Amino acid sequence: MRCVIARFPFDLTKSGVLESMKGIKPEPVTGESVIIGRRHYPAKQVGEIVTRQDRRDFSAGEVLRAMSRLGFTCRALP
């Protein structure tokens, strides 16, 4: 699926995101989060790993929209 994060287009797949996040330890969740497998990851951490961009370059909302379109469960502020 093609999506735009931080004004750059990315072709993301659910399996590609799962592979990228494999072996990554989740940081403490303080805001928006994405559930990948059985783990809750902060949206900014997922965006940084998947896009290889600095997390200051995009918003959590951009990541949440892309991940929800791929079929991941996303949560707003707890």
N, C-alpha and C. Protein backbone atom coordinates (compact mmCIF):
# COMPACT_ATOMS: atom_id res chain seq x y z
N MET A 1 0.83 -1.17 0.00
CA MET A 1 0.00 0.00 0.00
C MET A 1 0.88 1.24 0.00
N ARG A 2 0.52 2.18 -0.81
CA ARG A 2 1.29 3.42 -0.90
C ARG A 2 0.73 4.42 0.10
N CYS A 3 1.61 5.02 0.90
CA CYS A 3 1.19 6.05 1.84
C CYS A 3 2.27 7.12 1.91
N VAL A 4 1.88 8.28 2.38
CA VAL A 4 2.79 9.40 2.49
C VAL A 4 3.01 9.71 3.96
N ILE A 5 4.27 9.68 4.36
CA ILE A 5 4.65 10.02 5.72
C ILE A 5 5.78 11.04 5.61
N ALA A 6 5.60 12.19 6.24
CA ALA A 6 6.59 13.28 6.21
C ALA A 6 6.89 13.71 4.77
N ARG A 7 5.83 13.81 3.97
CA ARG A 7 5.90 14.26 2.56
C ARG A 7 6.69 13.32 1.65
N PHE A 8 6.99 12.10 2.11
CA PHE A 8 7.68 11.12 1.28
C PHE A 8 6.77 9.91 1.07
N PRO A 9 6.67 9.41 -0.16
CA PRO A 9 5.83 8.23 -0.41
C PRO A 9 6.55 6.94 -0.01
N PHE A 10 5.80 6.02 0.59
CA PHE A 10 6.33 4.73 0.98
C PHE A 10 5.37 3.65 0.51
N ASP A 11 5.92 2.53 0.05
CA ASP A 11 5.13 1.35 -0.28
C ASP A 11 5.27 0.38 0.88
N LEU A 12 4.25 0.33 1.73
CA LEU A 12 4.30 -0.50 2.92
C LEU A 12 3.37 -1.69 2.78
N THR A 13 3.80 -2.81 3.35
CA THR A 13 2.95 -3.99 3.42
C THR A 13 2.90 -4.43 4.89
N LYS A 14 1.86 -5.15 5.24
CA LYS A 14 1.74 -5.62 6.62
C LYS A 14 2.89 -6.55 6.97
N SER A 15 3.24 -7.44 6.05
CA SER A 15 4.35 -8.37 6.32
C SER A 15 5.68 -7.63 6.42
N GLY A 16 5.85 -6.56 5.64
CA GLY A 16 7.07 -5.77 5.71
C GLY A 16 7.21 -5.06 7.05
N VAL A 17 6.09 -4.53 7.56
CA VAL A 17 6.12 -3.87 8.87
C VAL A 17 6.42 -4.89 9.96
N LEU A 18 5.78 -6.06 9.88
CA LEU A 18 6.04 -7.11 10.87
C LEU A 18 7.51 -7.50 10.88
N GLU A 19 8.10 -7.62 9.70
CA GLU A 19 9.51 -8.00 9.59
C GLU A 19 10.41 -6.90 10.15
N SER A 20 10.08 -5.64 9.87
CA SER A 20 10.89 -4.53 10.38
C SER A 20 10.86 -4.45 11.90
N MET A 21 9.72 -4.75 12.49
CA MET A 21 9.57 -4.62 13.93
C MET A 21 9.99 -5.87 14.70
N LYS A 22 10.35 -6.91 13.97
CA LYS A 22 10.77 -8.16 14.60
C LYS A 22 12.05 -7.92 15.42
N GLY A 23 12.02 -8.30 16.68
CA GLY A 23 13.19 -8.16 17.54
C GLY A 23 13.38 -6.77 18.12
N ILE A 24 12.47 -5.84 17.86
CA ILE A 24 12.58 -4.48 18.40
C ILE A 24 11.83 -4.43 19.73
N LYS A 25 12.51 -3.95 20.75
CA LYS A 25 11.90 -3.84 22.08
C LYS A 25 11.07 -2.56 22.13
N PRO A 26 9.79 -2.67 22.54
CA PRO A 26 8.96 -1.47 22.59
C PRO A 26 9.40 -0.49 23.68
N GLU A 27 9.35 0.79 23.34
CA GLU A 27 9.61 1.83 24.33
C GLU A 27 8.34 2.01 25.16
N PRO A 28 8.41 2.66 26.31
CA PRO A 28 7.20 2.89 27.10
C PRO A 28 6.19 3.73 26.31
N VAL A 29 4.94 3.33 26.35
CA VAL A 29 3.89 4.03 25.61
C VAL A 29 3.34 5.16 26.48
N THR A 30 3.43 6.39 25.97
CA THR A 30 2.90 7.54 26.69
C THR A 30 1.80 8.25 25.90
N GLY A 31 1.62 7.88 24.65
CA GLY A 31 0.62 8.52 23.81
C GLY A 31 -0.01 7.52 22.87
N GLU A 32 -0.08 7.89 21.60
CA GLU A 32 -0.66 7.01 20.59
C GLU A 32 0.21 5.77 20.44
N SER A 33 -0.46 4.63 20.19
CA SER A 33 0.30 3.38 20.06
C SER A 33 -0.27 2.51 18.95
N VAL A 34 0.57 1.58 18.50
CA VAL A 34 0.20 0.61 17.48
C VAL A 34 0.47 -0.77 18.07
N ILE A 35 -0.49 -1.67 17.90
CA ILE A 35 -0.31 -3.04 18.39
C ILE A 35 0.20 -3.88 17.23
N ILE A 36 1.41 -4.38 17.38
CA ILE A 36 2.04 -5.23 16.36
C ILE A 36 2.36 -6.55 17.04
N GLY A 37 1.72 -7.60 16.57
CA GLY A 37 1.82 -8.88 17.27
C GLY A 37 1.07 -8.75 18.58
N ARG A 38 1.75 -9.01 19.68
CA ARG A 38 1.14 -8.84 20.99
C ARG A 38 1.73 -7.67 21.75
N ARG A 39 2.53 -6.86 21.08
CA ARG A 39 3.22 -5.76 21.74
C ARG A 39 2.62 -4.41 21.35
N HIS A 40 2.65 -3.49 22.30
CA HIS A 40 2.20 -2.11 22.07
C HIS A 40 3.44 -1.25 21.84
N TYR A 41 3.53 -0.64 20.67
CA TYR A 41 4.65 0.23 20.33
C TYR A 41 4.15 1.67 20.22
N PRO A 42 4.95 2.65 20.68
CA PRO A 42 4.58 4.04 20.42
C PRO A 42 4.56 4.29 18.91
N ALA A 43 3.61 5.09 18.44
CA ALA A 43 3.47 5.35 17.01
C ALA A 43 4.74 5.94 16.42
N LYS A 44 5.38 6.84 17.15
CA LYS A 44 6.60 7.47 16.63
C LYS A 44 7.74 6.45 16.48
N GLN A 45 7.84 5.48 17.38
CA GLN A 45 8.87 4.46 17.27
C GLN A 45 8.64 3.61 16.02
N VAL A 46 7.39 3.24 15.78
CA VAL A 46 7.07 2.45 14.58
C VAL A 46 7.42 3.24 13.33
N GLY A 47 7.02 4.51 13.28
CA GLY A 47 7.31 5.34 12.12
C GLY A 47 8.79 5.50 11.87
N GLU A 48 9.56 5.66 12.93
CA GLU A 48 11.01 5.83 12.79
C GLU A 48 11.66 4.57 12.22
N ILE A 49 11.23 3.40 12.68
CA ILE A 49 11.84 2.16 12.23
C ILE A 49 11.41 1.82 10.81
N VAL A 50 10.13 1.99 10.51
CA VAL A 50 9.61 1.61 9.20
C VAL A 50 10.10 2.56 8.10
N THR A 51 10.15 3.87 8.39
CA THR A 51 10.54 4.84 7.35
C THR A 51 12.01 5.19 7.37
N ARG A 52 12.70 4.85 8.46
CA ARG A 52 14.12 5.22 8.65
C ARG A 52 14.32 6.73 8.63
N GLN A 53 13.32 7.45 9.14
CA GLN A 53 13.43 8.90 9.24
C GLN A 53 13.44 9.30 10.71
N ASP A 54 13.91 10.51 10.97
CA ASP A 54 13.89 11.01 12.33
C ASP A 54 12.43 11.22 12.76
N ARG A 55 12.12 10.88 14.00
CA ARG A 55 10.72 10.95 14.44
C ARG A 55 10.21 12.38 14.57
N ARG A 56 11.10 13.36 14.49
CA ARG A 56 10.64 14.76 14.49
C ARG A 56 10.10 15.18 13.13
N ASP A 57 10.33 14.37 12.09
CA ASP A 57 9.92 14.73 10.74
C ASP A 57 8.48 14.39 10.42
N PHE A 58 7.79 13.62 11.26
CA PHE A 58 6.41 13.21 10.97
C PHE A 58 5.59 13.23 12.24
N SER A 59 4.28 13.20 12.08
CA SER A 59 3.39 13.20 13.24
C SER A 59 2.94 11.77 13.53
N ALA A 60 2.49 11.56 14.75
CA ALA A 60 1.97 10.25 15.13
C ALA A 60 0.71 9.93 14.33
N GLY A 61 -0.06 10.96 14.00
CA GLY A 61 -1.27 10.75 13.22
C GLY A 61 -1.00 10.16 11.85
N GLU A 62 0.08 10.58 11.21
CA GLU A 62 0.44 10.03 9.90
C GLU A 62 0.73 8.53 10.01
N VAL A 63 1.43 8.15 11.06
CA VAL A 63 1.77 6.74 11.26
C VAL A 63 0.51 5.94 11.60
N LEU A 64 -0.34 6.49 12.45
CA LEU A 64 -1.57 5.79 12.83
C LEU A 64 -2.46 5.55 11.61
N ARG A 65 -2.60 6.55 10.74
CA ARG A 65 -3.41 6.37 9.53
C ARG A 65 -2.85 5.27 8.65
N ALA A 66 -1.54 5.26 8.45
CA ALA A 66 -0.92 4.25 7.60
C ALA A 66 -1.05 2.86 8.21
N MET A 67 -0.81 2.74 9.51
CA MET A 67 -0.87 1.42 10.15
C MET A 67 -2.30 0.89 10.21
N SER A 68 -3.27 1.76 10.43
CA SER A 68 -4.66 1.29 10.46
C SER A 68 -5.12 0.85 9.08
N ARG A 69 -4.65 1.52 8.03
CA ARG A 69 -4.98 1.09 6.66
C ARG A 69 -4.35 -0.26 6.34
N LEU A 70 -3.24 -0.59 6.98
CA LEU A 70 -2.61 -1.89 6.78
C LEU A 70 -3.26 -2.99 7.62
N GLY A 71 -4.13 -2.61 8.55
CA GLY A 71 -4.84 -3.60 9.35
C GLY A 71 -4.35 -3.77 10.77
N PHE A 72 -3.44 -2.91 11.20
CA PHE A 72 -2.98 -2.98 12.58
C PHE A 72 -3.95 -2.23 13.49
N THR A 73 -4.03 -2.65 14.74
CA THR A 73 -4.87 -1.98 15.72
C THR A 73 -4.10 -0.80 16.27
N CYS A 74 -4.71 0.37 16.22
CA CYS A 74 -4.08 1.59 16.71
C CYS A 74 -4.91 2.15 17.86
N ARG A 75 -4.23 2.72 18.82
CA ARG A 75 -4.90 3.30 19.98
C ARG A 75 -4.49 4.77 20.13
N ALA A 76 -5.48 5.58 20.46
CA ALA A 76 -5.22 6.99 20.73
C ALA A 76 -4.63 7.13 22.13
N LEU A 77 -4.56 8.34 22.63
CA LEU A 77 -4.00 8.55 23.96
C LEU A 77 -4.70 7.69 24.99
N PRO A 78 -3.94 7.04 25.88
CA PRO A 78 -4.57 6.17 26.89
C PRO A 78 -5.31 6.97 27.95
